[in-house]
Amino acid sequence: IEKTLHGLIPLVRYYHISSDDFLDKIYPLKKLLPKDLTKDLVEFYIAPNRKPNIVEIQSTRIPKHICDYDSILIKKHHFAVFASWIDKKNNLHYYVNIPYNFNLLYRASRDGNTPAAFHAKCDNKGPTIVIVKISNSKKIVGGYNPLKWNSSNKVESTKDSYIYLFTDGTDTKSAKVSYSNGDQNSIRNLAAYGPGFGGGTDLLCWSNGSWLRNSALSYPKIDSIPEKFFNVDDYEVYQVIKK
């Protein structure tokens, strides 16, 4: 039966099924479904007060943008959280129809963990989200730049950028976000460094590939981001495109 259902799983419009049908017809087959899908559906049906903002899905297939990303650091749920934060909504406001595409521009382990490699791949590409896996921990940290990276050695002001932390990178409920206060150092474009957020070096990729969190100046402090220099396993940068 598993082989028979395997090709049909992507065709089911799960979020259009009544709770009774889900309980009677879908849940008994939970061992045949992907674990993350089962978890999503259970949360969707048993927690009505936390239901995401669902809009009609035109295709009978689950849209590609909610089930296939290139990241080796995070899952699709994280991108839903990033999109919600971009529009300054709660964490899971966008859960099914994410209104942004996320295109992988750069991965340090693939493209070279150097400022030059980062700028070659990411400069002048518009808004981006940076995703960083901290070494020897489950933590994921990073930031959103609503402007664009460049090598001008200048700073820019915006109130729409943010930095964030998942204290447990496997659990989106562990997310914390901090928006820029709008000061002139919200985004730091430094040719000799990687992505930079904040005038207090709130979060910065150093010239040697390590990361630095010095003080909270442009973004309210997020506890549990390591102080001073810290090493990372890898980091990725995604171009964010409004659909």
Protein backbone atom coordinates (compact mmCIF):
# COMPACT_ATOMS: atom_id res chain seq x y z
CA ILE A 1 0.00 0.00 0.00
CA GLU A 2 2.93 2.34 0.70
CA LYS A 3 4.19 1.99 -2.87
CA THR A 4 0.69 2.60 -4.22
CA LEU A 5 0.21 5.77 -2.17
CA HIS A 6 3.70 7.17 -2.67
CA GLY A 7 2.90 8.83 -5.99
CA LEU A 8 -0.44 10.12 -4.75
CA ILE A 9 0.76 11.90 -1.61
CA PRO A 10 1.74 15.16 -3.40
CA LEU A 11 -1.65 15.28 -5.17
CA VAL A 12 -3.85 15.46 -2.08
CA ARG A 13 -5.20 18.90 -1.10
CA TYR A 14 -4.67 18.23 2.60
CA TYR A 15 -5.65 21.64 3.85
CA HIS A 16 -9.06 21.39 2.16
CA ILE A 17 -10.02 18.19 4.01
CA SER A 18 -12.53 18.45 6.85
CA SER A 19 -11.32 17.63 10.34
CA ASP A 20 -13.65 14.60 10.43
CA ASP A 21 -12.24 13.22 7.19
CA PHE A 22 -8.72 13.89 8.38
CA LEU A 23 -9.35 11.94 11.59
CA ASP A 24 -11.17 9.06 9.90
CA LYS A 25 -9.31 8.73 6.60
CA ILE A 26 -5.91 10.39 6.75
CA TYR A 27 -4.63 10.03 10.30
CA PRO A 28 -4.88 6.19 10.29
CA LEU A 29 -2.35 6.27 7.44
CA LYS A 30 0.09 8.51 9.30
CA LYS A 31 2.91 5.95 9.13
CA LEU A 32 2.82 6.20 5.35
CA LEU A 33 3.06 10.00 5.27
CA PRO A 34 6.22 12.11 5.64
CA LYS A 35 6.72 12.87 9.33
CA ASP A 36 6.86 16.63 8.84
CA LEU A 37 3.62 16.57 6.85
CA THR A 38 1.86 14.57 9.56
CA LYS A 39 3.06 17.01 12.21
CA ASP A 40 1.89 19.99 10.14
CA LEU A 41 -1.56 18.51 9.62
CA VAL A 42 -2.05 17.55 13.26
CA GLU A 43 -1.17 21.08 14.34
CA PHE A 44 -3.45 22.51 11.66
CA TYR A 45 -6.49 20.51 12.75
CA ILE A 46 -6.16 20.42 16.55
CA ALA A 47 -5.09 24.01 17.21
CA PRO A 48 -7.72 26.21 15.53
CA ASN A 49 -6.61 29.32 17.41
CA ARG A 50 -3.18 28.98 15.84
CA LYS A 51 -4.34 28.32 12.30
CA PRO A 52 -2.21 30.07 9.71
CA ASN A 53 -3.57 32.48 7.16
CA ILE A 54 -4.74 29.96 4.58
CA VAL A 55 -5.70 31.07 1.10
CA GLU A 56 -7.07 28.97 -1.75
CA ILE A 57 -4.52 26.72 -3.42
CA GLN A 58 -5.21 26.76 -7.15
CA SER A 59 -3.22 23.67 -8.04
CA THR A 60 -4.18 20.19 -6.89
CA ARG A 61 -0.53 19.69 -6.08
CA ILE A 62 1.23 21.06 -3.05
CA PRO A 63 3.07 24.10 -4.47
CA LYS A 64 6.75 23.51 -5.05
CA HIS A 65 7.66 26.54 -2.98
CA ILE A 66 6.39 24.94 0.22
CA CYS A 67 8.00 21.53 -0.18
CA ASP A 68 11.33 21.95 -1.94
CA TYR A 69 14.14 24.26 -0.89
CA ASP A 70 17.86 24.04 -1.50
CA SER A 71 18.92 24.62 2.10
CA ILE A 72 21.11 22.13 3.94
CA LEU A 73 20.64 24.08 7.18
CA ILE A 74 16.88 24.51 7.63
CA LYS A 75 13.49 23.18 6.50
CA LYS A 76 10.56 24.69 4.62
CA HIS A 77 8.89 25.80 7.85
CA HIS A 78 11.69 28.25 8.50
CA PHE A 79 11.04 30.02 5.20
CA ALA A 80 7.40 30.46 6.19
CA VAL A 81 8.61 32.12 9.39
CA PHE A 82 11.04 34.37 7.48
CA ALA A 83 8.24 35.44 5.13
CA SER A 84 5.93 36.21 8.04
CA TRP A 85 8.62 38.34 9.68
CA ILE A 86 9.31 40.19 6.43
CA ASP A 87 5.70 41.36 6.48
CA LYS A 88 5.88 41.87 10.26
CA LYS A 89 3.34 39.17 11.00
CA ASN A 90 3.40 36.47 13.65
CA ASN A 91 5.71 33.50 13.10
CA LEU A 92 3.30 31.30 11.14
CA HIS A 93 1.11 33.87 9.45
CA TYR A 94 2.23 32.45 6.11
CA TYR A 95 2.15 28.69 6.30
CA VAL A 96 0.82 27.32 3.03
CA ASN A 97 1.02 30.06 0.42
CA ILE A 98 4.29 31.85 1.06
CA PRO A 99 4.22 35.14 -0.90
CA TYR A 100 7.97 35.12 -1.61
CA ASN A 101 10.38 32.98 -3.56
CA PHE A 102 13.71 32.19 -1.90
CA ASN A 103 16.55 31.57 -4.35
CA LEU A 104 19.87 30.27 -3.08
CA LEU A 105 22.65 32.69 -4.04
CA TYR A 106 25.51 31.59 -1.84
CA ARG A 107 26.62 28.77 0.44
CA ALA A 108 29.94 29.20 2.23
CA SER A 109 30.92 25.51 2.04
CA ARG A 110 30.15 25.43 -1.69
CA ASP A 111 31.26 28.85 -2.91
CA GLY A 112 34.08 29.67 -0.49
CA ASN A 113 33.85 31.15 2.99
CA THR A 114 35.42 34.49 2.10
CA PRO A 115 34.11 38.06 1.86
CA ALA A 116 35.08 38.12 -1.83
CA ALA A 117 33.02 35.01 -2.57
CA PHE A 118 30.04 36.38 -0.66
CA HIS A 119 30.10 39.72 -2.48
CA ALA A 120 30.62 38.08 -5.87
CA LYS A 121 27.46 36.02 -5.40
CA CYS A 122 25.26 38.40 -3.39
CA ASP A 123 26.00 42.03 -4.27
CA ASN A 124 23.23 43.97 -6.02
CA LYS A 125 20.75 41.09 -5.83
CA GLY A 126 18.07 42.92 -3.84
CA PRO A 127 16.58 41.70 -0.55
CA THR A 128 18.20 38.65 1.02
CA ILE A 129 17.93 36.40 4.04
CA VAL A 130 21.12 35.13 5.72
CA ILE A 131 21.06 31.75 7.49
CA VAL A 132 23.94 30.73 9.78
CA LYS A 133 24.45 27.41 11.61
CA ILE A 134 26.46 27.94 14.80
CA SER A 135 29.08 25.26 15.48
CA ASN A 136 28.63 22.78 18.34
CA SER A 137 25.02 23.78 18.94
CA LYS A 138 21.53 23.55 17.48
CA LYS A 139 21.33 27.30 17.06
CA ILE A 140 20.51 29.01 13.78
CA VAL A 141 21.12 32.76 13.57
CA GLY A 142 20.99 35.30 10.78
CA GLY A 143 19.31 38.36 9.38
CA TYR A 144 17.15 39.88 6.68
CA ASN A 145 18.36 42.72 4.47
CA PRO A 146 15.44 44.38 2.64
CA LEU A 147 17.81 46.53 0.56
CA LYS A 148 20.80 44.98 -1.21
CA TRP A 149 24.36 44.04 -0.37
CA ASN A 150 27.20 45.91 -2.05
CA SER A 151 30.89 46.66 -1.54
CA SER A 152 30.57 50.41 -1.07
CA ASN A 153 31.94 50.47 2.50
CA LYS A 154 28.88 52.49 3.45
CA VAL A 155 26.04 51.93 5.91
CA GLU A 156 22.29 52.21 5.31
CA SER A 157 19.21 52.88 7.38
CA THR A 158 16.02 50.83 7.36
CA LYS A 159 13.34 49.77 9.82
CA ASP A 160 12.47 46.67 7.82
CA SER A 161 15.62 44.63 8.41
CA TYR A 162 15.83 42.12 11.22
CA ILE A 163 18.13 39.67 12.91
CA TYR A 164 16.88 36.43 14.40
CA LEU A 165 17.73 33.32 16.37
CA PHE A 166 16.35 29.80 16.56
CA THR A 167 17.66 28.43 19.85
CA ASP A 168 16.86 25.00 18.44
CA GLY A 169 17.24 24.98 14.69
CA THR A 170 14.89 22.00 14.38
CA ASP A 171 12.03 23.79 16.14
CA THR A 172 10.51 26.95 14.65
CA LYS A 173 8.75 27.61 17.96
CA SER A 174 12.16 28.50 19.41
CA ALA A 175 12.37 31.54 17.11
CA LYS A 176 13.23 35.05 18.28
CA VAL A 177 13.31 38.11 16.04
CA SER A 178 14.61 41.66 16.49
CA TYR A 179 13.83 44.49 14.04
CA SER A 180 16.14 47.40 13.34
CA ASN A 181 15.45 50.60 15.24
CA GLY A 182 16.07 52.43 11.98
CA ASP A 183 19.46 53.90 12.77
CA GLN A 184 21.99 54.67 10.04
CA ASN A 185 23.93 51.45 10.65
CA SER A 186 21.05 49.03 10.10
CA ILE A 187 22.89 47.44 7.17
CA ARG A 188 26.68 47.51 6.85
CA ASN A 189 28.14 47.07 3.37
CA LEU A 190 31.81 46.31 3.94
CA ALA A 191 33.96 45.00 1.09
CA ALA A 192 36.41 43.26 3.43
CA TYR A 193 33.68 41.47 5.40
CA GLY A 194 30.62 39.36 4.80
CA PRO A 195 27.04 40.31 5.72
CA GLY A 196 26.82 42.93 8.46
CA PHE A 197 23.93 44.06 10.63
CA GLY A 198 24.04 46.95 13.08
CA GLY A 199 26.39 49.66 14.26
CA GLY A 200 27.32 47.80 17.43
CA THR A 201 28.39 44.90 15.27
CA ASP A 202 25.05 43.37 16.21
CA LEU A 203 25.87 40.54 13.80
CA LEU A 204 28.74 40.42 11.31
CA CYS A 205 30.62 37.87 9.24
CA TRP A 206 34.30 38.59 9.91
CA SER A 207 37.02 38.58 7.27
CA ASN A 208 38.27 35.12 8.31
CA GLY A 209 34.85 33.47 8.07
CA SER A 210 34.02 33.51 11.76
CA TRP A 211 31.11 35.59 13.06
CA LEU A 212 30.96 38.40 15.59
CA ARG A 213 28.23 39.63 17.88
CA ASN A 214 29.60 42.54 19.91
CA SER A 215 26.78 44.70 21.25
CA ALA A 216 23.12 45.47 20.58
CA LEU A 217 23.01 48.95 19.10
CA SER A 218 20.79 48.88 16.01
CA TYR A 219 18.72 45.83 16.97
CA PRO A 220 17.24 45.07 20.41
CA LYS A 221 19.27 42.35 22.08
CA ILE A 222 18.41 38.72 21.52
CA ASP A 223 19.62 36.61 24.41
CA SER A 224 21.43 33.36 23.59
CA ILE A 225 23.27 34.64 20.52
CA PRO A 226 26.92 33.99 21.41
CA GLU A 227 28.92 37.00 22.55
CA LYS A 228 32.06 38.09 20.69
CA PHE A 229 33.47 35.76 18.03
CA PHE A 230 31.92 32.39 17.29
CA ASN A 231 32.50 29.69 14.69
CA VAL A 232 29.88 28.39 12.29
CA ASP A 233 29.42 25.14 10.39
CA ASP A 234 28.10 26.89 7.30
CA TYR A 235 26.00 29.80 6.15
CA GLU A 236 23.66 30.47 3.25
CA VAL A 237 22.22 33.57 1.59
CA TYR A 238 18.90 33.54 -0.25
CA GLN A 239 17.53 36.16 -2.60
CA VAL A 240 13.99 37.12 -1.58
CA ILE A 241 11.60 37.85 -4.45
CA LYS A 242 8.01 38.97 -4.02
CA LYS A 243 5.65 36.85 -6.11
